[in-house]
């Protein structure tokens, strides 16, 4: 079993130091509950900003960006893997990223493949071009960000190597029922756990409702709320493997045909 924590962080708009304080409170709480993987929402320390030039960080001079360094230190201190979102300035431009650290090691890195054009995100952030994967205590884990959830193709493409996937978001309250529906659908389609982590509170003119979940491979919400800001769940990789074996949906996929349809 892998005990995971999905946060419901009320992000203080672009106030990094205050958000670090709020994150550490949740990290301490998760540690007390035995969490081994804790997940924070998209753009954890800033909120979903369209001003990356003000908040982006980089690896210039070989130094680790402040946000990454902060979570690495907390990962070491609390002996817990931590996933979070931040803005990185790269040679390709600004990228909306999901990072997973294990102590001082960066074990998974993902750039959002689908910037949210409806809000103009695509004008400010370069689109990612690669899927991501890591292994934690024998559980294959992938990661996605917010608007990616509306594109089942990229979940299906990585389905066989992932028993669980992370989706971090700043998904507004007005569309939160869609968020829940799509998370559940990705879990059922891919016969895997889906850990959806959304922010709460108010930021940049939008309201965000508490809506973090862990859905199992049957589409059931298996998360338990332990406080307003934290839910926990156990990831049982044996359940995923057993279900995939007893109901072998993937063997009926027609990948070669799908490729032709997309041309």
C-alpha atoms as a PDB file:
ATOM      1  CA  UNK A   1       0.000   0.000   0.000  1.00  0.00           C
ATOM      2  CA  UNK A   2       1.136   3.520  -0.796  1.00  0.00           C
ATOM      3  CA  UNK A   3      -0.477   6.131   1.439  1.00  0.00           C
ATOM      4  CA  UNK A   4      -1.064   9.348  -0.487  1.00  0.00           C
ATOM      5  CA  UNK A   5      -2.282  12.779   0.508  1.00  0.00           C
ATOM      6  CA  UNK A   6      -4.167  15.130  -1.795  1.00  0.00           C
ATOM      7  CA  UNK A   7      -4.239  18.714  -0.611  1.00  0.00           C
ATOM      8  CA  UNK A   8      -6.936  21.379  -0.893  1.00  0.00           C
ATOM      9  CA  UNK A   9      -4.669  24.402  -0.634  1.00  0.00           C
ATOM     10  CA  UNK A  10      -6.108  27.903  -0.454  1.00  0.00           C
ATOM     11  CA  UNK A  11      -3.397  29.611  -2.507  1.00  0.00           C
ATOM     12  CA  UNK A  12      -2.627  33.211  -1.537  1.00  0.00           C
ATOM     13  CA  UNK A  13      -2.453  34.962  -4.908  1.00  0.00           C
ATOM     14  CA  UNK A  14       1.225  35.300  -5.949  1.00  0.00           C
ATOM     15  CA  UNK A  15       2.410  35.383  -2.332  1.00  0.00           C
ATOM     16  CA  UNK A  16       5.143  32.754  -2.379  1.00  0.00           C
ATOM     17  CA  UNK A  17       6.329  33.039   1.207  1.00  0.00           C
ATOM     18  CA  UNK A  18       2.807  32.838   2.627  1.00  0.00           C
ATOM     19  CA  UNK A  19       2.089  29.834   0.430  1.00  0.00           C
ATOM     20  CA  UNK A  20       5.255  28.135   1.650  1.00  0.00           C
ATOM     21  CA  UNK A  21       3.966  28.550   5.184  1.00  0.00           C
ATOM     22  CA  UNK A  22       0.583  27.079   4.265  1.00  0.00           C
ATOM     23  CA  UNK A  23       2.255  24.196   2.437  1.00  0.00           C
ATOM     24  CA  UNK A  24       4.447  23.344   5.391  1.00  0.00           C
ATOM     25  CA  UNK A  25       1.403  23.182   7.660  1.00  0.00           C
ATOM     26  CA  UNK A  26      -0.133  20.597   5.331  1.00  0.00           C
ATOM     27  CA  UNK A  27       3.169  18.724   5.032  1.00  0.00           C
ATOM     28  CA  UNK A  28       3.355  18.427   8.824  1.00  0.00           C
ATOM     29  CA  UNK A  29      -0.242  17.255   8.977  1.00  0.00           C
ATOM     30  CA  UNK A  30       0.297  14.688   6.234  1.00  0.00           C
ATOM     31  CA  UNK A  31       3.408  13.408   7.983  1.00  0.00           C
ATOM     32  CA  UNK A  32       1.380  12.850  11.155  1.00  0.00           C
ATOM     33  CA  UNK A  33      -1.006  10.667   9.128  1.00  0.00           C
ATOM     34  CA  UNK A  34       1.780   8.553   7.642  1.00  0.00           C
ATOM     35  CA  UNK A  35       1.527   9.940   4.108  1.00  0.00           C
ATOM     36  CA  UNK A  36       4.334   8.834   1.792  1.00  0.00           C
ATOM     37  CA  UNK A  37       3.347  10.912  -1.253  1.00  0.00           C
ATOM     38  CA  UNK A  38       1.803  14.366  -0.837  1.00  0.00           C
ATOM     39  CA  UNK A  39       0.435  16.292  -3.812  1.00  0.00           C
ATOM     40  CA  UNK A  40      -0.119  20.043  -4.169  1.00  0.00           C
ATOM     41  CA  UNK A  41      -2.071  21.899  -6.917  1.00  0.00           C
ATOM     42  CA  UNK A  42      -0.940  23.538 -10.136  1.00  0.00           C
ATOM     43  CA  UNK A  43       1.368  26.572  -9.745  1.00  0.00           C
ATOM     44  CA  UNK A  44       1.476  25.829  -6.030  1.00  0.00           C
ATOM     45  CA  UNK A  45       3.153  28.972  -4.735  1.00  0.00           C
ATOM     46  CA  UNK A  46       1.610  31.538  -7.104  1.00  0.00           C
ATOM     47  CA  UNK A  47      -1.786  30.464  -8.381  1.00  0.00           C
ATOM     48  CA  UNK A  48      -2.639  30.279 -12.088  1.00  0.00           C
ATOM     49  CA  UNK A  49      -0.929  33.438 -13.239  1.00  0.00           C
ATOM     50  CA  UNK A  50      -0.549  34.776 -16.768  1.00  0.00           C
ATOM     51  CA  UNK A  51       2.481  36.812 -15.734  1.00  0.00           C
ATOM     52  CA  UNK A  52       5.226  34.189 -15.890  1.00  0.00           C
ATOM     53  CA  UNK A  53       7.892  36.836 -16.423  1.00  0.00           C
ATOM     54  CA  UNK A  54       7.337  37.912 -12.805  1.00  0.00           C
ATOM     55  CA  UNK A  55       7.249  34.486 -11.175  1.00  0.00           C
ATOM     56  CA  UNK A  56       9.210  32.033 -13.310  1.00  0.00           C
ATOM     57  CA  UNK A  57      12.386  30.409 -11.968  1.00  0.00           C
ATOM     58  CA  UNK A  58      15.290  28.753 -13.740  1.00  0.00           C
ATOM     59  CA  UNK A  59      18.395  26.652 -13.266  1.00  0.00           C
ATOM     60  CA  UNK A  60      20.802  29.431 -14.271  1.00  0.00           C
ATOM     61  CA  UNK A  61      24.309  28.844 -12.987  1.00  0.00           C
ATOM     62  CA  UNK A  62      23.441  25.292 -12.001  1.00  0.00           C
ATOM     63  CA  UNK A  63      21.452  26.416  -8.961  1.00  0.00           C
ATOM     64  CA  UNK A  64      18.202  24.736  -7.996  1.00  0.00           C
ATOM     65  CA  UNK A  65      15.155  27.038  -8.304  1.00  0.00           C
ATOM     66  CA  UNK A  66      13.823  28.312  -4.993  1.00  0.00           C
ATOM     67  CA  UNK A  67      10.464  26.508  -5.266  1.00  0.00           C
ATOM     68  CA  UNK A  68      12.096  23.174  -6.083  1.00  0.00           C
ATOM     69  CA  UNK A  69      14.665  23.661  -3.331  1.00  0.00           C
ATOM     70  CA  UNK A  70      11.941  24.432  -0.777  1.00  0.00           C
ATOM     71  CA  UNK A  71      10.025  21.232  -1.486  1.00  0.00           C
ATOM     72  CA  UNK A  72      13.197  19.151  -1.647  1.00  0.00           C
ATOM     73  CA  UNK A  73      14.163  20.362   1.827  1.00  0.00           C
ATOM     74  CA  UNK A  74      10.712  19.563   3.190  1.00  0.00           C
ATOM     75  CA  UNK A  75      10.831  16.155   1.513  1.00  0.00           C
ATOM     76  CA  UNK A  76      14.074  15.404   3.320  1.00  0.00           C
ATOM     77  CA  UNK A  77      12.861  16.824   6.618  1.00  0.00           C
ATOM     78  CA  UNK A  78       9.578  14.940   6.675  1.00  0.00           C
ATOM     79  CA  UNK A  79      10.754  11.821   4.781  1.00  0.00           C
ATOM     80  CA  UNK A  80       7.963  12.182   2.250  1.00  0.00           C
ATOM     81  CA  UNK A  81       7.765  12.461  -1.539  1.00  0.00           C
ATOM     82  CA  UNK A  82       6.131  15.695  -2.629  1.00  0.00           C
ATOM     83  CA  UNK A  83       4.543  16.657  -5.958  1.00  0.00           C
ATOM     84  CA  UNK A  84       3.890  20.311  -6.781  1.00  0.00           C
ATOM     85  CA  UNK A  85       3.486  22.784  -9.613  1.00  0.00           C
ATOM     86  CA  UNK A  86       5.725  25.686 -10.556  1.00  0.00           C
ATOM     87  CA  UNK A  87       6.703  27.949 -13.453  1.00  0.00           C
ATOM     88  CA  UNK A  88      10.066  27.342 -15.081  1.00  0.00           C
ATOM     89  CA  UNK A  89      11.867  29.572 -17.557  1.00  0.00           C
ATOM     90  CA  UNK A  90      13.598  27.350 -20.117  1.00  0.00           C
ATOM     91  CA  UNK A  91      15.178  27.723 -23.536  1.00  0.00           C
ATOM     92  CA  UNK A  92      11.726  27.020 -24.982  1.00  0.00           C
ATOM     93  CA  UNK A  93      10.142  29.855 -22.991  1.00  0.00           C
ATOM     94  CA  UNK A  94       7.998  29.625 -19.856  1.00  0.00           C
ATOM     95  CA  UNK A  95       6.633  26.214 -18.941  1.00  0.00           C
ATOM     96  CA  UNK A  96       3.848  25.191 -16.564  1.00  0.00           C
ATOM     97  CA  UNK A  97       5.361  22.223 -14.733  1.00  0.00           C
ATOM     98  CA  UNK A  98       4.570  19.348 -12.419  1.00  0.00           C
ATOM     99  CA  UNK A  99       7.528  18.199 -10.335  1.00  0.00           C
ATOM    100  CA  UNK A 100       7.830  15.243  -7.986  1.00  0.00           C
ATOM    101  CA  UNK A 101      10.745  15.124  -5.551  1.00  0.00           C
ATOM    102  CA  UNK A 102      12.026  12.367  -3.304  1.00  0.00           C
ATOM    103  CA  UNK A 103      14.353  13.982  -0.808  1.00  0.00           C
ATOM    104  CA  UNK A 104      16.987  15.861  -2.772  1.00  0.00           C
ATOM    105  CA  UNK A 105      16.163  14.016  -5.991  1.00  0.00           C
ATOM    106  CA  UNK A 106      13.853  15.139  -8.758  1.00  0.00           C
ATOM    107  CA  UNK A 107      12.161  11.891  -9.792  1.00  0.00           C
ATOM    108  CA  UNK A 108       9.448  13.121 -12.178  1.00  0.00           C
ATOM    109  CA  UNK A 109       9.127  16.245 -14.316  1.00  0.00           C
ATOM    110  CA  UNK A 110       6.321  17.144 -16.687  1.00  0.00           C
ATOM    111  CA  UNK A 111       5.501  20.191 -18.799  1.00  0.00           C
ATOM    112  CA  UNK A 112       1.800  20.778 -19.473  1.00  0.00           C
ATOM    113  CA  UNK A 113       1.055  19.489 -22.974  1.00  0.00           C
ATOM    114  CA  UNK A 114      -2.174  21.444 -23.383  1.00  0.00           C
ATOM    115  CA  UNK A 115      -1.947  25.105 -22.267  1.00  0.00           C
ATOM    116  CA  UNK A 116      -5.468  26.402 -21.634  1.00  0.00           C
ATOM    117  CA  UNK A 117      -6.113  28.519 -24.730  1.00  0.00           C
ATOM    118  CA  UNK A 118      -9.557  29.585 -23.437  1.00  0.00           C
ATOM    119  CA  UNK A 119      -7.764  31.727 -20.833  1.00  0.00           C
ATOM    120  CA  UNK A 120      -4.848  32.638 -23.102  1.00  0.00           C
ATOM    121  CA  UNK A 121      -2.351  30.383 -21.345  1.00  0.00           C
ATOM    122  CA  UNK A 122      -0.995  29.271 -24.728  1.00  0.00           C
ATOM    123  CA  UNK A 123       0.169  32.857 -25.378  1.00  0.00           C
ATOM    124  CA  UNK A 124       2.458  32.794 -22.351  1.00  0.00           C
ATOM    125  CA  UNK A 125       3.504  29.167 -21.863  1.00  0.00           C
ATOM    126  CA  UNK A 126       5.191  26.729 -24.222  1.00  0.00           C
ATOM    127  CA  UNK A 127       3.399  23.404 -24.663  1.00  0.00           C
ATOM    128  CA  UNK A 128       5.102  20.277 -23.387  1.00  0.00           C
ATOM    129  CA  UNK A 129       5.817  17.428 -25.763  1.00  0.00           C
ATOM    130  CA  UNK A 130       6.567  14.439 -23.535  1.00  0.00           C
ATOM    131  CA  UNK A 131       4.741  12.212 -21.073  1.00  0.00           C
ATOM    132  CA  UNK A 132       6.281  11.439 -17.690  1.00  0.00           C
ATOM    133  CA  UNK A 133       6.591   8.405 -15.441  1.00  0.00           C
ATOM    134  CA  UNK A 134       8.162   7.301 -12.188  1.00  0.00           C
ATOM    135  CA  UNK A 135       7.952   4.378  -9.786  1.00  0.00           C
ATOM    136  CA  UNK A 136       7.187   4.838  -6.085  1.00  0.00           C
ATOM    137  CA  UNK A 137       7.228   1.770  -3.852  1.00  0.00           C
ATOM    138  CA  UNK A 138       6.341  -0.430  -6.811  1.00  0.00           C
ATOM    139  CA  UNK A 139       3.535   1.786  -8.109  1.00  0.00           C
ATOM    140  CA  UNK A 140       3.935   3.183 -11.622  1.00  0.00           C
ATOM    141  CA  UNK A 141       2.885   6.833 -11.568  1.00  0.00           C
ATOM    142  CA  UNK A 142       2.357   9.413 -14.330  1.00  0.00           C
ATOM    143  CA  UNK A 143       1.400  13.054 -14.167  1.00  0.00           C
ATOM    144  CA  UNK A 144      -0.715  15.672 -15.953  1.00  0.00           C
ATOM    145  CA  UNK A 145      -1.881  19.244 -15.394  1.00  0.00           C
ATOM    146  CA  UNK A 146      -5.423  20.664 -15.363  1.00  0.00           C
ATOM    147  CA  UNK A 147      -6.653  21.168 -18.981  1.00  0.00           C
ATOM    148  CA  UNK A 148      -4.812  17.978 -20.004  1.00  0.00           C
ATOM    149  CA  UNK A 149      -7.688  16.161 -18.313  1.00  0.00           C
ATOM    150  CA  UNK A 150      -9.936  16.952 -21.282  1.00  0.00           C
ATOM    151  CA  UNK A 151      -7.663  14.974 -23.645  1.00  0.00           C
ATOM    152  CA  UNK A 152      -8.017  11.250 -22.886  1.00  0.00           C
ATOM    153  CA  UNK A 153      -5.544  10.314 -25.611  1.00  0.00           C
ATOM    154  CA  UNK A 154      -2.503  11.197 -23.527  1.00  0.00           C
ATOM    155  CA  UNK A 155      -3.797   9.191 -20.573  1.00  0.00           C
ATOM    156  CA  UNK A 156      -4.428   6.202 -22.798  1.00  0.00           C
ATOM    157  CA  UNK A 157      -0.955   6.491 -24.341  1.00  0.00           C
ATOM    158  CA  UNK A 158       0.692   5.962 -20.947  1.00  0.00           C
ATOM    159  CA  UNK A 159      -1.899   3.587 -19.557  1.00  0.00           C
ATOM    160  CA  UNK A 160       0.128   0.380 -19.514  1.00  0.00           C
ATOM    161  CA  UNK A 161       3.022   1.731 -17.439  1.00  0.00           C
ATOM    162  CA  UNK A 162       0.926   3.623 -14.894  1.00  0.00           C
ATOM    163  CA  UNK A 163      -1.131   2.135 -12.091  1.00  0.00           C
ATOM    164  CA  UNK A 164      -1.836   5.646 -10.807  1.00  0.00           C
ATOM    165  CA  UNK A 165      -1.770   9.143 -12.246  1.00  0.00           C
ATOM    166  CA  UNK A 166      -1.573  12.611 -10.729  1.00  0.00           C
ATOM    167  CA  UNK A 167      -3.580  15.533 -12.099  1.00  0.00           C
ATOM    168  CA  UNK A 168      -2.849  18.911 -10.502  1.00  0.00           C
ATOM    169  CA  UNK A 169      -5.098  21.858 -11.279  1.00  0.00           C
ATOM    170  CA  UNK A 170      -6.510  25.310 -10.697  1.00  0.00           C
ATOM    171  CA  UNK A 171      -9.995  24.295 -11.913  1.00  0.00           C
ATOM    172  CA  UNK A 172     -12.618  26.988 -11.157  1.00  0.00           C
ATOM    173  CA  UNK A 173     -15.789  26.328  -9.206  1.00  0.00           C
ATOM    174  CA  UNK A 174     -18.064  27.098 -12.158  1.00  0.00           C
ATOM    175  CA  UNK A 175     -16.834  23.965 -13.969  1.00  0.00           C
ATOM    176  CA  UNK A 176     -15.974  21.785 -10.982  1.00  0.00           C
ATOM    177  CA  UNK A 177     -18.626  19.152 -11.771  1.00  0.00           C
ATOM    178  CA  UNK A 178     -16.821  18.551 -15.074  1.00  0.00           C
ATOM    179  CA  UNK A 179     -13.524  18.172 -13.214  1.00  0.00           C
ATOM    180  CA  UNK A 180     -14.960  15.417 -11.031  1.00  0.00           C
ATOM    181  CA  UNK A 181     -16.618  13.658 -13.969  1.00  0.00           C
ATOM    182  CA  UNK A 182     -13.469  13.677 -16.094  1.00  0.00           C
ATOM    183  CA  UNK A 183     -11.241  12.457 -13.260  1.00  0.00           C
ATOM    184  CA  UNK A 184     -13.590   9.550 -12.669  1.00  0.00           C
ATOM    185  CA  UNK A 185     -13.740   8.809 -16.391  1.00  0.00           C
ATOM    186  CA  UNK A 186      -9.940   8.689 -16.724  1.00  0.00           C
ATOM    187  CA  UNK A 187      -9.819   6.228 -13.812  1.00  0.00           C
ATOM    188  CA  UNK A 188     -12.421   3.933 -15.376  1.00  0.00           C
ATOM    189  CA  UNK A 189     -11.027   4.160 -18.914  1.00  0.00           C
ATOM    190  CA  UNK A 190      -7.495   3.348 -17.865  1.00  0.00           C
ATOM    191  CA  UNK A 191      -8.287   1.013 -14.959  1.00  0.00           C
ATOM    192  CA  UNK A 192      -6.019   2.954 -12.628  1.00  0.00           C
ATOM    193  CA  UNK A 193      -6.028   5.287  -9.637  1.00  0.00           C
ATOM    194  CA  UNK A 194      -6.433   8.964 -10.445  1.00  0.00           C
ATOM    195  CA  UNK A 195      -5.327  11.510  -7.866  1.00  0.00           C
ATOM    196  CA  UNK A 196      -6.900  14.853  -8.725  1.00  0.00           C
ATOM    197  CA  UNK A 197      -5.621  17.834  -6.735  1.00  0.00           C
ATOM    198  CA  UNK A 198      -7.366  21.184  -7.049  1.00  0.00           C
ATOM    199  CA  UNK A 199      -6.758  24.463  -5.236  1.00  0.00           C
ATOM    200  CA  UNK A 200      -9.401  26.195  -3.127  1.00  0.00           C
ATOM    201  CA  UNK A 201     -10.221  29.784  -2.191  1.00  0.00           C
ATOM    202  CA  UNK A 202     -10.195  32.874  -4.392  1.00  0.00           C
ATOM    203  CA  UNK A 203      -7.580  34.060  -6.841  1.00  0.00           C
ATOM    204  CA  UNK A 204      -7.409  36.454  -9.786  1.00  0.00           C
ATOM    205  CA  UNK A 205     -11.175  36.905  -9.890  1.00  0.00           C
ATOM    206  CA  UNK A 206     -12.118  33.226  -9.670  1.00  0.00           C
ATOM    207  CA  UNK A 207     -13.523  31.011  -6.936  1.00  0.00           C
ATOM    208  CA  UNK A 208     -12.222  27.491  -6.379  1.00  0.00           C
ATOM    209  CA  UNK A 209     -14.184  24.842  -4.503  1.00  0.00           C
ATOM    210  CA  UNK A 210     -12.698  22.040  -2.367  1.00  0.00           C
ATOM    211  CA  UNK A 211     -12.543  19.224  -4.914  1.00  0.00           C
ATOM    212  CA  UNK A 212      -9.494  17.000  -4.542  1.00  0.00           C
ATOM    213  CA  UNK A 213     -10.155  13.274  -4.959  1.00  0.00           C
ATOM    214  CA  UNK A 214      -8.575   9.862  -5.260  1.00  0.00           C
ATOM    215  CA  UNK A 215     -10.578   7.607  -7.571  1.00  0.00           C
ATOM    216  CA  UNK A 216      -9.745   3.911  -7.775  1.00  0.00           C
ATOM    217  CA  UNK A 217      -9.751   1.788 -10.919  1.00  0.00           C
ATOM    218  CA  UNK A 218     -13.522   1.240 -10.588  1.00  0.00           C
ATOM    219  CA  UNK A 219     -14.216   4.972 -10.409  1.00  0.00           C
ATOM    220  CA  UNK A 220     -14.903   5.056  -6.665  1.00  0.00           C
ATOM    221  CA  UNK A 221     -13.734   7.970  -4.528  1.00  0.00           C
ATOM    222  CA  UNK A 222     -11.532   6.280  -1.914  1.00  0.00           C
ATOM    223  CA  UNK A 223     -10.154   9.432  -0.280  1.00  0.00           C
ATOM    224  CA  UNK A 224     -10.830  10.219   3.367  1.00  0.00           C
ATOM    225  CA  UNK A 225     -10.977  13.836   4.521  1.00  0.00           C
ATOM    226  CA  UNK A 226      -8.902  14.420   7.649  1.00  0.00           C
ATOM    227  CA  UNK A 227      -9.046  18.233   7.620  1.00  0.00           C
ATOM    228  CA  UNK A 228     -10.287  20.997   5.309  1.00  0.00           C
ATOM    229  CA  UNK A 229      -6.928  21.031   3.551  1.00  0.00           C
ATOM    230  CA  UNK A 230      -6.077  17.339   3.363  1.00  0.00           C
ATOM    231  CA  UNK A 231      -7.514  14.038   2.200  1.00  0.00           C
ATOM    232  CA  UNK A 232      -5.684  10.720   2.358  1.00  0.00           C
ATOM    233  CA  UNK A 233      -6.031   7.383   0.574  1.00  0.00           C
ATOM    234  CA  UNK A 234      -4.239   4.071   0.150  1.00  0.00           C
ATOM    235  CA  UNK A 235      -3.090   3.084  -3.330  1.00  0.00           C
ATOM    236  CA  UNK A 236      -3.308  -0.704  -3.672  1.00  0.00           C
ATOM    237  CA  UNK A 237      -1.378  -1.673  -6.791  1.00  0.00           C
ATOM    238  CA  UNK A 238      -2.567  -5.260  -6.436  1.00  0.00           C
ATOM    239  CA  UNK A 239      -6.145  -4.132  -7.013  1.00  0.00           C
ATOM    240  CA  UNK A 240      -5.196  -2.465 -10.293  1.00  0.00           C
ATOM    241  CA  UNK A 241      -3.237  -5.444 -11.564  1.00  0.00           C
ATOM    242  CA  UNK A 242      -5.920  -7.915 -10.548  1.00  0.00           C
ATOM    243  CA  UNK A 243      -8.691  -5.914 -12.209  1.00  0.00           C
ATOM    244  CA  UNK A 244      -6.708  -5.438 -15.414  1.00  0.00           C
ATOM    245  CA  UNK A 245      -6.106  -9.185 -15.509  1.00  0.00           C
ATOM    246  CA  UNK A 246      -9.714 -10.197 -14.814  1.00  0.00           C
ATOM    247  CA  UNK A 247     -11.181  -7.558 -17.159  1.00  0.00           C
ATOM    248  CA  UNK A 248      -8.463  -7.162 -19.850  1.00  0.00           C
ATOM    249  CA  UNK A 249      -9.872  -4.124 -21.590  1.00  0.00           C
ATOM    250  CA  UNK A 250      -6.546  -3.021 -23.073  1.00  0.00           C
ATOM    251  CA  UNK A 251      -6.192  -6.078 -25.307  1.00  0.00           C
ATOM    252  CA  UNK A 252      -9.134  -4.784 -27.357  1.00  0.00           C
ATOM    253  CA  UNK A 253      -7.472  -1.461 -28.132  1.00  0.00           C
ATOM    254  CA  UNK A 254      -6.764  -0.846 -31.811  1.00  0.00           C
ATOM    255  CA  UNK A 255      -3.819   1.513 -31.675  1.00  0.00           C
ATOM    256  CA  UNK A 256      -2.847   1.177 -35.327  1.00  0.00           C
ATOM    257  CA  UNK A 257      -6.390   2.068 -36.372  1.00  0.00           C
ATOM    258  CA  UNK A 258      -6.525   5.026 -33.996  1.00  0.00           C
ATOM    259  CA  UNK A 259      -3.334   6.434 -35.505  1.00  0.00           C
ATOM    260  CA  UNK A 260      -4.896   6.305 -38.981  1.00  0.00           C
ATOM    261  CA  UNK A 261      -8.008   8.077 -37.736  1.00  0.00           C
ATOM    262  CA  UNK A 262      -5.945  10.989 -36.451  1.00  0.00           C
ATOM    263  CA  UNK A 263      -4.186  11.602 -39.765  1.00  0.00           C
END
